[in-house]
Amino acid sequence: MANDSEFIDYVVDQIDPACDVRYRHMFGGTTLYSHDKVVALICDNQLFIKPTAAGRLYIGDVVEAPPYEGAKNFFLVGDEIDDNEWLSKLVRATEEALPKPKPRKKKKKKTKE
């Protein structure tokens, strides 16, 4: 599931800055966030968009595949990855369709007895 840093940078650069995309390397892949919501995964230098009804409607003829063994299907983005306007609209539609992330619980400090 290794990714080239150049591919990750290319994908992020293709997406409109207004989508507020950031990424984090996790478990051999890369997770993309838009406005703190997980919207996509990059695995083996392929872009997988989190499935939503809005994304399915926008894409039309969807290609689905698991980003890694044992994962649920995501929307696999092919050559459209080079179309920054198309990709930005897909990321925006996906982010808007997802619920707000739950607030993270603060860890309790351990006390010495």
C-alpha atoms as a PDB file:
ATOM      1  CA  MET A   1       0.000   0.000   0.000  1.00  0.00           C
ATOM      2  CA  ALA A   2       2.966   2.333  -0.297  1.00  0.00           C
ATOM      3  CA  ASN A   3       2.424   5.670  -2.012  1.00  0.00           C
ATOM      4  CA  ASP A   4       4.828   7.984  -3.780  1.00  0.00           C
ATOM      5  CA  SER A   5       4.983  11.378  -2.096  1.00  0.00           C
ATOM      6  CA  GLU A   6       4.847  12.977  -5.568  1.00  0.00           C
ATOM      7  CA  PHE A   7       1.522  11.259  -6.281  1.00  0.00           C
ATOM      8  CA  ILE A   8       0.064  12.401  -2.962  1.00  0.00           C
ATOM      9  CA  ASP A   9       1.227  15.973  -3.601  1.00  0.00           C
ATOM     10  CA  TYR A  10      -0.231  15.844  -7.127  1.00  0.00           C
ATOM     11  CA  VAL A  11      -3.644  14.734  -5.852  1.00  0.00           C
ATOM     12  CA  VAL A  12      -3.733  17.361  -3.107  1.00  0.00           C
ATOM     13  CA  ASP A  13      -2.603  20.073  -5.548  1.00  0.00           C
ATOM     14  CA  GLN A  14      -5.427  19.097  -7.929  1.00  0.00           C
ATOM     15  CA  ILE A  15      -8.046  19.900  -5.288  1.00  0.00           C
ATOM     16  CA  ASP A  16      -9.240  23.480  -4.807  1.00  0.00           C
ATOM     17  CA  PRO A  17      -7.710  25.066  -1.678  1.00  0.00           C
ATOM     18  CA  ALA A  18     -11.245  26.024  -0.548  1.00  0.00           C
ATOM     19  CA  CYS A  19     -11.792  22.301   0.174  1.00  0.00           C
ATOM     20  CA  ASP A  20      -9.218  22.645   2.963  1.00  0.00           C
ATOM     21  CA  VAL A  21      -7.619  19.276   2.179  1.00  0.00           C
ATOM     22  CA  ARG A  22      -4.923  17.843   4.406  1.00  0.00           C
ATOM     23  CA  TYR A  23      -3.554  14.357   4.624  1.00  0.00           C
ATOM     24  CA  ARG A  24      -2.093  11.921   7.081  1.00  0.00           C
ATOM     25  CA  HIS A  25      -0.147   8.729   6.505  1.00  0.00           C
ATOM     26  CA  MET A  26      -1.746   5.794   8.277  1.00  0.00           C
ATOM     27  CA  PHE A  27      -1.349   2.029   8.057  1.00  0.00           C
ATOM     28  CA  GLY A  28       0.732   2.126   4.890  1.00  0.00           C
ATOM     29  CA  GLY A  29      -1.783   4.325   3.070  1.00  0.00           C
ATOM     30  CA  THR A  30      -2.728   7.982   3.124  1.00  0.00           C
ATOM     31  CA  THR A  31      -5.987   9.449   4.420  1.00  0.00           C
ATOM     32  CA  LEU A  32      -7.314  12.697   2.926  1.00  0.00           C
ATOM     33  CA  TYR A  33      -9.441  15.039   5.017  1.00  0.00           C
ATOM     34  CA  SER A  34     -11.604  17.933   3.857  1.00  0.00           C
ATOM     35  CA  HIS A  35     -12.758  20.236   6.640  1.00  0.00           C
ATOM     36  CA  ASP A  36     -11.686  17.525   9.120  1.00  0.00           C
ATOM     37  CA  LYS A  37     -13.859  14.847   7.484  1.00  0.00           C
ATOM     38  CA  VAL A  38     -12.309  11.730   5.942  1.00  0.00           C
ATOM     39  CA  VAL A  39     -13.157  11.990   2.243  1.00  0.00           C
ATOM     40  CA  ALA A  40     -10.627   9.743   0.532  1.00  0.00           C
ATOM     41  CA  LEU A  41      -7.809   7.252   0.782  1.00  0.00           C
ATOM     42  CA  ILE A  42      -4.722   6.914  -1.355  1.00  0.00           C
ATOM     43  CA  CYS A  43      -3.445   3.353  -1.546  1.00  0.00           C
ATOM     44  CA  ASP A  44      -0.937   1.990  -4.045  1.00  0.00           C
ATOM     45  CA  ASN A  45      -0.941   5.356  -5.840  1.00  0.00           C
ATOM     46  CA  GLN A  46      -4.674   5.166  -6.513  1.00  0.00           C
ATOM     47  CA  LEU A  47      -7.331   7.568  -5.245  1.00  0.00           C
ATOM     48  CA  PHE A  48     -10.361   6.088  -3.498  1.00  0.00           C
ATOM     49  CA  ILE A  49     -13.217   8.451  -2.580  1.00  0.00           C
ATOM     50  CA  LYS A  50     -15.457   7.628   0.363  1.00  0.00           C
ATOM     51  CA  PRO A  51     -18.809   6.472  -1.009  1.00  0.00           C
ATOM     52  CA  THR A  52     -21.782   8.795  -0.604  1.00  0.00           C
ATOM     53  CA  ALA A  53     -25.053   9.199  -2.486  1.00  0.00           C
ATOM     54  CA  ALA A  54     -23.925  12.674  -3.572  1.00  0.00           C
ATOM     55  CA  GLY A  55     -20.648  11.319  -4.906  1.00  0.00           C
ATOM     56  CA  ARG A  56     -22.407   8.512  -6.766  1.00  0.00           C
ATOM     57  CA  LEU A  57     -24.810  11.013  -8.352  1.00  0.00           C
ATOM     58  CA  TYR A  58     -21.945  13.310  -9.360  1.00  0.00           C
ATOM     59  CA  ILE A  59     -19.741  10.554 -10.825  1.00  0.00           C
ATOM     60  CA  GLY A  60     -22.519   8.711 -12.622  1.00  0.00           C
ATOM     61  CA  ASP A  61     -20.918   5.468 -13.832  1.00  0.00           C
ATOM     62  CA  VAL A  62     -19.060   4.582 -10.628  1.00  0.00           C
ATOM     63  CA  VAL A  63     -16.159   2.145 -10.450  1.00  0.00           C
ATOM     64  CA  GLU A  64     -15.991   0.627  -6.980  1.00  0.00           C
ATOM     65  CA  ALA A  65     -13.084  -1.234  -5.427  1.00  0.00           C
ATOM     66  CA  PRO A  66     -11.623  -1.800  -1.960  1.00  0.00           C
ATOM     67  CA  PRO A  67      -8.574   0.379  -1.248  1.00  0.00           C
ATOM     68  CA  TYR A  68      -6.901  -2.494   0.625  1.00  0.00           C
ATOM     69  CA  GLU A  69      -7.644  -6.116   1.379  1.00  0.00           C
ATOM     70  CA  GLY A  70     -10.631  -6.530   3.679  1.00  0.00           C
ATOM     71  CA  ALA A  71     -11.887  -2.956   3.199  1.00  0.00           C
ATOM     72  CA  LYS A  72     -15.331  -1.918   2.033  1.00  0.00           C
ATOM     73  CA  ASN A  73     -15.624  -0.600  -1.512  1.00  0.00           C
ATOM     74  CA  PHE A  74     -14.802   3.030  -2.216  1.00  0.00           C
ATOM     75  CA  PHE A  75     -15.202   4.963  -5.465  1.00  0.00           C
ATOM     76  CA  LEU A  76     -12.047   4.478  -7.520  1.00  0.00           C
ATOM     77  CA  VAL A  77     -11.034   7.612  -9.422  1.00  0.00           C
ATOM     78  CA  GLY A  78      -9.319   6.952 -12.741  1.00  0.00           C
ATOM     79  CA  ASP A  79      -8.235   9.470 -15.371  1.00  0.00           C
ATOM     80  CA  GLU A  80     -10.564  12.107 -13.908  1.00  0.00           C
ATOM     81  CA  ILE A  81      -7.853  12.697 -11.320  1.00  0.00           C
ATOM     82  CA  ASP A  82      -6.204  15.026 -13.862  1.00  0.00           C
ATOM     83  CA  ASP A  83      -9.299  17.253 -14.043  1.00  0.00           C
ATOM     84  CA  ASN A  84      -8.883  19.560 -11.053  1.00  0.00           C
ATOM     85  CA  GLU A  85     -12.350  21.123 -11.375  1.00  0.00           C
ATOM     86  CA  TRP A  86     -14.069  17.717 -11.575  1.00  0.00           C
ATOM     87  CA  LEU A  87     -12.041  16.338  -8.648  1.00  0.00           C
ATOM     88  CA  SER A  88     -12.637  19.422  -6.501  1.00  0.00           C
ATOM     89  CA  LYS A  89     -16.406  19.193  -7.055  1.00  0.00           C
ATOM     90  CA  LEU A  90     -16.357  15.492  -6.113  1.00  0.00           C
ATOM     91  CA  VAL A  91     -14.402  16.173  -2.921  1.00  0.00           C
ATOM     92  CA  ARG A  92     -16.738  19.047  -2.040  1.00  0.00           C
ATOM     93  CA  ALA A  93     -19.877  16.947  -2.677  1.00  0.00           C
ATOM     94  CA  THR A  94     -18.460  14.087  -0.610  1.00  0.00           C
ATOM     95  CA  GLU A  95     -17.451  16.333   2.288  1.00  0.00           C
ATOM     96  CA  GLU A  96     -20.834  18.059   2.357  1.00  0.00           C
ATOM     97  CA  ALA A  97     -22.648  14.695   2.421  1.00  0.00           C
ATOM     98  CA  LEU A  98     -20.699  13.380   5.397  1.00  0.00           C
ATOM     99  CA  PRO A  99     -21.664  14.078   9.014  1.00  0.00           C
ATOM    100  CA  LYS A 100     -19.505  16.304  11.172  1.00  0.00           C
ATOM    101  CA  PRO A 101     -16.809  14.344  12.989  1.00  0.00           C
ATOM    102  CA  LYS A 102     -17.533  13.527  16.602  1.00  0.00           C
ATOM    103  CA  PRO A 103     -15.537  15.579  19.091  1.00  0.00           C
ATOM    104  CA  ARG A 104     -12.519  13.712  20.378  1.00  0.00           C
ATOM    105  CA  LYS A 105     -12.572  12.822  24.030  1.00  0.00           C
ATOM    106  CA  LYS A 106      -9.749  14.212  26.092  1.00  0.00           C
ATOM    107  CA  LYS A 107      -7.512  11.613  27.656  1.00  0.00           C
ATOM    108  CA  LYS A 108      -7.651  11.475  31.418  1.00  0.00           C
ATOM    109  CA  LYS A 109      -4.404  12.139  33.179  1.00  0.00           C
ATOM    110  CA  LYS A 110      -3.111   9.263  35.223  1.00  0.00           C
ATOM    111  CA  THR A 111      -2.710  10.062  38.854  1.00  0.00           C
ATOM    112  CA  LYS A 112      -0.089   8.576  41.116  1.00  0.00           C
ATOM    113  CA  GLU A 113      -1.384   6.704  44.110  1.00  0.00           C
END
